[in-house]
Amino acid sequence: MKLHFENIISFIAVVEEGSFSSAARKLGKSQSTVSTAVQNLESDLGFNVFNRGHSKVWLTEKGKRLFQLSLPVVSKYRDLVTNAQQMNISDQIVYRVGIDPLVFNKNVKKALLAFSEVFPNVDLLIVTKPSFVLGNYIQEGKIDLALGNPYHKTNNDFNIEELFHVNCWWVAHEDLVSLQPDFSSWRILLMDGFEELLNLSNIASYNLWRIDDLETIIDLCKAQKGIAFLPGFLIEGRVEDSKLKVITDHPDFFGKRVIASLFWQIHSDFSLFNQWIRDELKTSASYKQTFIADLAQ
């Protein structure tokens, strides 16, 4: 029996991605090519690996066993390809990534930690700035890739790949809400650059503090010094501990959803590192988030 390795790779990709079309996108091949590869594998094996009586990918018992046996081999092959690619990379290469604090959640941090393991010989430069600044950095060639909100006001064009959603809320200390029900006396605590997401005319009458550090904003909010506009991942776990309350019943303070996306210079190559970051973040953001805020503009 002779098994062609490319056919096994296609089989593994279909199982991992859950469909032939998704596997084709991952492998950079047509769906018909992937389907033919799996059929050829079944022909070489002499048995079916998928039960085609189901609308979704459904492994036969022998298919499950083959997947268990093949996955370690394919994983080793992927590691070999990655290491071989690294051997062609200069030891002095610097990969420059810009990240908007608005989308810098725990999954992004995990991806950076994993990057250091996969590419130990690459120097990584991380810049944390608002998306409009990152857009300028992309245009000026100061960074290779940005993660943030590419739909900010700009005259620049980018390549864009949407990854996950970030829900943003107005938050205040619960005692501030109860003791100062007159919202007009509240101070607005705003991360520098977040005004891109807001209609400032709605809050023009409020005292406004612009601060370039989210943790400082949270501390001020906990100290009842104002109301803050924050990404949901920073609020999670702090609402009960810090007595922070999400504002949901005021016309000036409604939630917003941001589409966290990778964006990079148009007409440029999508490098090995960009591909790796994209795949890592896509894997961690495979679930869909829910959102219940008023999304009125």
Protein backbone atom coordinates (compact mmCIF):
# COMPACT_ATOMS: atom_id res chain seq x y z
CA MET A 1 0.00 0.00 0.00
CA LYS A 2 1.31 3.45 -0.95
CA LEU A 3 -0.15 6.53 0.70
CA HIS A 4 0.52 10.00 -0.69
CA PHE A 5 1.36 12.46 2.06
CA GLU A 6 -0.42 15.42 0.41
CA ASN A 7 -3.64 13.41 0.48
CA ILE A 8 -3.20 12.77 4.20
CA ILE A 9 -2.60 16.50 4.78
CA SER A 10 -5.86 17.29 2.97
CA PHE A 11 -7.71 14.70 5.08
CA ILE A 12 -6.37 16.15 8.34
CA ALA A 13 -7.27 19.68 7.24
CA VAL A 14 -10.87 18.69 6.47
CA VAL A 15 -11.27 17.12 9.92
CA GLU A 16 -9.64 20.08 11.72
CA GLU A 17 -11.57 22.75 9.80
CA GLY A 18 -14.90 20.91 9.76
CA SER A 19 -15.59 21.23 6.05
CA PHE A 20 -13.98 20.76 2.66
CA SER A 21 -14.39 24.45 1.78
CA SER A 22 -12.66 25.64 4.98
CA ALA A 23 -9.87 23.11 4.50
CA ALA A 24 -9.38 24.35 0.94
CA ARG A 25 -9.03 27.94 2.17
CA LYS A 26 -6.53 26.90 4.82
CA LEU A 27 -4.43 24.94 2.33
CA GLY A 28 -4.70 27.54 -0.42
CA LYS A 29 -6.28 25.03 -2.79
CA SER A 30 -9.60 24.65 -4.57
CA GLN A 31 -12.36 22.66 -2.89
CA SER A 32 -12.38 20.18 -5.75
CA THR A 33 -8.64 19.57 -5.31
CA VAL A 34 -9.09 18.79 -1.61
CA SER A 35 -12.11 16.57 -2.31
CA THR A 36 -10.18 14.65 -4.96
CA ALA A 37 -7.23 14.22 -2.59
CA VAL A 38 -9.48 12.66 0.06
CA GLN A 39 -11.12 10.39 -2.52
CA ASN A 40 -7.68 9.27 -3.71
CA LEU A 41 -6.68 8.57 -0.11
CA GLU A 42 -9.78 6.42 0.37
CA SER A 43 -8.98 4.59 -2.86
CA ASP A 44 -5.42 3.88 -1.69
CA LEU A 45 -6.66 2.73 1.73
CA GLY A 46 -9.49 0.60 0.43
CA PHE A 47 -12.05 2.07 2.84
CA ASN A 48 -14.00 5.30 3.37
CA VAL A 49 -12.77 7.80 5.96
CA PHE A 50 -15.95 9.93 5.88
CA ASN A 51 -19.58 8.92 6.18
CA ARG A 52 -21.13 10.90 3.34
CA GLY A 53 -24.65 10.24 4.53
CA HIS A 54 -24.33 13.29 6.80
CA SER A 55 -24.45 16.95 5.74
CA LYS A 56 -21.43 17.75 7.93
CA VAL A 57 -18.02 16.13 8.13
CA TRP A 58 -18.55 12.78 9.86
CA LEU A 59 -15.70 10.31 10.30
CA THR A 60 -16.20 6.59 9.99
CA GLU A 61 -14.72 4.43 12.74
CA LYS A 62 -11.72 3.66 10.53
CA GLY A 63 -11.51 7.34 9.65
CA LYS A 64 -11.30 8.23 13.35
CA ARG A 65 -8.48 5.75 13.82
CA LEU A 66 -6.64 7.07 10.77
CA PHE A 67 -6.98 10.64 12.06
CA GLN A 68 -5.50 9.65 15.44
CA LEU A 69 -2.57 7.94 13.74
CA SER A 70 -1.97 10.64 11.14
CA LEU A 71 -2.27 13.80 13.23
CA PRO A 72 1.08 13.42 15.08
CA VAL A 73 2.86 12.79 11.77
CA VAL A 74 1.29 15.83 10.10
CA SER A 75 2.03 17.98 13.16
CA LYS A 76 5.69 16.99 12.97
CA TYR A 77 5.69 17.82 9.27
CA ARG A 78 4.23 21.27 9.98
CA ASP A 79 6.92 21.87 12.59
CA LEU A 80 9.53 20.83 10.04
CA VAL A 81 8.16 23.28 7.46
CA THR A 82 8.11 26.12 10.01
CA ASN A 83 11.67 25.41 11.14
CA ALA A 84 12.88 25.13 7.55
CA GLN A 85 11.34 28.51 6.76
CA GLN A 86 13.04 30.00 9.80
CA MET A 87 16.40 28.71 8.61
CA ASN A 88 16.07 31.06 5.63
CA ILE A 89 15.37 34.02 7.87
CA SER A 90 18.17 36.33 8.92
CA ASP A 91 19.02 36.20 12.61
CA GLN A 92 18.69 39.99 12.68
CA ILE A 93 15.12 40.20 11.40
CA VAL A 94 12.73 42.40 13.38
CA TYR A 95 8.99 41.86 13.09
CA ARG A 96 7.01 44.99 14.00
CA VAL A 97 3.41 44.71 15.17
CA GLY A 98 1.08 47.49 16.27
CA ILE A 99 -1.83 46.68 18.59
CA ASP A 100 -4.67 48.98 19.58
CA PRO A 101 -5.22 48.70 23.38
CA LEU A 102 -8.94 48.48 22.59
CA VAL A 103 -8.47 44.93 21.22
CA PHE A 104 -5.46 43.78 23.29
CA ASN A 105 -7.27 40.95 25.05
CA LYS A 106 -5.91 37.78 26.66
CA ASN A 107 -6.06 35.81 23.40
CA VAL A 108 -3.83 38.38 21.70
CA LYS A 109 -1.36 38.12 24.58
CA LYS A 110 -1.41 34.32 24.31
CA ALA A 111 -0.68 34.60 20.59
CA LEU A 112 2.37 36.75 21.30
CA LEU A 113 3.64 34.24 23.86
CA ALA A 114 3.18 31.43 21.35
CA PHE A 115 4.97 33.48 18.68
CA SER A 116 8.05 33.64 20.89
CA GLU A 117 8.07 29.84 21.08
CA VAL A 118 7.54 29.22 17.36
CA PHE A 119 9.93 31.95 16.17
CA PRO A 120 12.62 32.16 18.88
CA ASN A 121 15.17 33.80 16.56
CA VAL A 122 12.93 36.69 15.52
CA ASP A 123 13.07 40.01 17.35
CA LEU A 124 9.52 41.21 18.03
CA LEU A 125 8.68 44.91 18.37
CA ILE A 126 5.22 45.61 19.84
CA VAL A 127 3.73 49.09 19.57
CA THR A 128 0.50 49.91 21.44
CA LYS A 129 -1.24 52.92 19.93
CA PRO A 130 -4.76 53.90 18.84
CA SER A 131 -5.80 52.52 15.47
CA PHE A 132 -5.52 55.84 13.63
CA VAL A 133 -1.88 56.10 14.74
CA LEU A 134 -1.22 52.50 13.70
CA GLY A 135 -2.74 53.28 10.31
CA ASN A 136 -0.24 56.08 9.84
CA TYR A 137 2.59 53.80 10.97
CA ILE A 138 1.54 51.21 8.37
CA GLN A 139 1.51 53.85 5.65
CA GLU A 140 4.93 55.16 6.72
CA GLY A 141 6.43 51.66 6.87
CA LYS A 142 7.11 51.85 10.62
CA ILE A 143 5.27 48.60 11.38
CA ASP A 144 4.58 45.44 9.38
CA LEU A 145 1.14 44.58 10.73
CA ALA A 146 -1.55 46.23 12.83
CA LEU A 147 -4.33 44.75 14.95
CA GLY A 148 -7.14 47.15 15.69
CA ASN A 149 -10.04 48.98 14.09
CA PRO A 150 -9.17 49.59 10.41
CA TYR A 151 -12.43 51.46 9.83
CA HIS A 152 -11.26 54.64 11.55
CA LYS A 153 -11.32 57.95 9.72
CA THR A 154 -8.39 57.90 7.31
CA ASN A 155 -7.42 58.58 3.72
CA ASN A 156 -5.20 55.49 3.69
CA ASP A 157 -6.13 52.18 2.10
CA PHE A 158 -5.27 48.87 3.74
CA ASN A 159 -5.52 45.16 3.24
CA ILE A 160 -7.97 44.04 5.94
CA GLU A 161 -8.90 40.73 7.52
CA GLU A 162 -11.59 40.79 10.20
CA LEU A 163 -11.00 38.47 13.17
CA PHE A 164 -13.23 39.02 16.20
CA HIS A 165 -15.58 41.46 17.90
CA VAL A 166 -14.88 43.62 20.93
CA ASN A 167 -17.87 44.97 22.85
CA CYS A 168 -17.29 48.36 24.50
CA TRP A 169 -19.31 49.84 27.33
CA TRP A 170 -19.64 52.93 29.46
CA VAL A 171 -18.84 52.01 33.06
CA ALA A 172 -19.10 53.81 36.39
CA HIS A 173 -18.77 52.93 40.06
CA GLU A 174 -22.18 51.89 41.40
CA ASP A 175 -21.93 54.41 44.27
CA LEU A 176 -21.29 57.24 41.81
CA VAL A 177 -24.43 56.28 39.89
CA SER A 178 -26.57 56.25 43.04
CA LEU A 179 -25.07 59.37 44.68
CA GLN A 180 -24.86 61.52 41.54
CA PRO A 181 -27.88 60.62 39.40
CA ASP A 182 -27.43 63.88 37.46
CA PHE A 183 -25.20 62.61 34.64
CA SER A 184 -24.33 66.14 33.48
CA SER A 185 -21.99 66.54 36.46
CA TRP A 186 -19.99 63.44 35.57
CA ARG A 187 -16.44 63.49 34.27
CA ILE A 188 -15.71 61.48 31.12
CA LEU A 189 -12.58 59.28 31.27
CA LEU A 190 -11.53 58.46 27.73
CA MET A 191 -8.60 56.54 26.30
CA ASP A 192 -6.71 58.63 23.77
CA GLY A 193 -7.98 57.62 20.33
CA PHE A 194 -11.32 56.21 21.50
CA GLU A 195 -13.09 59.37 20.32
CA GLU A 196 -12.90 57.80 16.85
CA LEU A 197 -15.70 55.47 17.98
CA LEU A 198 -17.91 58.08 19.59
CA ASN A 199 -20.08 60.99 18.62
CA LEU A 200 -18.34 63.65 20.68
CA SER A 201 -21.22 66.07 20.18
CA ASN A 202 -23.25 63.85 22.51
CA ILE A 203 -20.75 64.33 25.34
CA ALA A 204 -19.46 67.83 24.53
CA SER A 205 -21.14 69.28 27.63
CA TYR A 206 -19.26 66.91 29.96
CA ASN A 207 -15.86 67.48 31.51
CA LEU A 208 -13.47 65.27 29.51
CA TRP A 209 -10.19 63.67 30.54
CA ARG A 210 -8.09 61.98 27.85
CA ILE A 211 -5.66 59.43 29.28
CA ASP A 212 -3.29 57.11 27.40
CA ASP A 213 -3.39 54.23 29.90
CA LEU A 214 -6.42 51.99 30.38
CA GLU A 215 -5.39 50.75 33.83
CA THR A 216 -5.19 54.36 35.07
CA ILE A 217 -8.67 54.98 33.67
CA ILE A 218 -9.98 51.91 35.52
CA ASP A 219 -8.36 53.06 38.77
CA LEU A 220 -9.97 56.50 38.41
CA CYS A 221 -13.31 54.88 37.67
CA LYS A 222 -13.03 52.66 40.74
CA ALA A 223 -12.22 55.79 42.77
CA GLN A 224 -15.51 57.36 41.57
CA LYS A 225 -13.73 60.07 39.57
CA GLY A 226 -15.77 59.63 36.43
CA ILE A 227 -17.41 57.39 33.87
CA ALA A 228 -15.17 55.41 31.52
CA PHE A 229 -15.56 53.91 28.04
CA LEU A 230 -13.89 50.49 28.17
CA PRO A 231 -13.58 47.28 26.16
CA GLY A 232 -15.60 44.43 27.61
CA PHE A 233 -12.62 42.14 28.22
CA LEU A 234 -11.27 44.66 30.76
CA ILE A 235 -14.59 44.84 32.56
CA GLU A 236 -15.08 41.08 32.90
CA GLY A 237 -14.25 39.99 36.43
CA ARG A 238 -14.07 43.57 37.69
CA VAL A 239 -17.76 44.40 37.87
CA GLU A 240 -18.38 42.54 41.14
CA ASP A 241 -14.91 42.96 42.64
CA SER A 242 -14.69 46.71 41.99
CA LYS A 243 -18.41 47.55 42.11
CA LEU A 244 -18.25 48.84 38.56
CA LYS A 245 -21.58 49.11 36.78
CA VAL A 246 -22.27 49.07 33.05
CA ILE A 247 -24.42 52.03 31.96
CA THR A 248 -27.23 50.79 29.71
CA ASP A 249 -30.09 53.25 30.27
CA HIS A 250 -28.78 56.66 29.16
CA PRO A 251 -29.07 58.10 25.62
CA ASP A 252 -25.56 59.58 25.67
CA PHE A 253 -23.82 56.44 26.89
CA PHE A 254 -24.54 53.38 24.77
CA GLY A 255 -22.34 50.44 23.90
CA LYS A 256 -20.40 50.00 20.68
CA ARG A 257 -19.07 46.98 18.85
CA VAL A 258 -15.64 47.10 17.25
CA ILE A 259 -14.48 44.63 14.62
CA ALA A 260 -10.91 43.75 15.60
CA SER A 261 -9.01 43.21 12.37
CA LEU A 262 -5.56 42.75 11.00
CA PHE A 263 -4.58 45.45 8.53
CA TRP A 264 -1.41 45.95 6.57
CA GLN A 265 -0.03 47.95 3.68
CA ILE A 266 -1.91 47.51 0.44
CA HIS A 267 -0.07 45.88 -2.49
CA SER A 268 2.36 44.21 -0.07
CA ASP A 269 3.13 40.54 0.54
CA PHE A 270 1.42 38.75 3.42
CA SER A 271 4.50 37.43 5.19
CA LEU A 272 5.00 34.14 7.01
CA PHE A 273 4.71 35.98 10.34
CA ASN A 274 1.49 37.74 9.31
CA GLN A 275 -0.01 34.41 8.29
CA TRP A 276 0.97 32.82 11.58
CA ILE A 277 -0.51 35.67 13.65
CA ARG A 278 -3.72 35.52 11.61
CA ASP A 279 -4.11 31.76 11.99
CA GLU A 280 -3.36 31.87 15.72
CA LEU A 281 -5.90 34.62 16.39
CA LYS A 282 -8.52 33.02 14.16
CA THR A 283 -8.21 29.81 16.16
CA SER A 284 -8.64 31.59 19.51
CA ALA A 285 -11.57 33.67 18.21
CA SER A 286 -13.49 30.81 16.62
CA TYR A 287 -16.43 31.36 18.95
CA LYS A 288 -19.02 34.08 18.37
CA GLN A 289 -19.56 36.76 21.00
CA THR A 290 -22.99 38.07 21.92
CA PHE A 291 -23.86 41.73 22.21
CA ILE A 292 -26.90 43.35 23.77
CA ALA A 293 -26.07 47.06 23.68
CA ASP A 294 -27.81 49.72 21.63
CA LEU A 295 -25.65 50.09 18.52
CA ALA A 296 -27.20 53.35 17.37
CA GLN A 297 -24.70 55.69 15.71
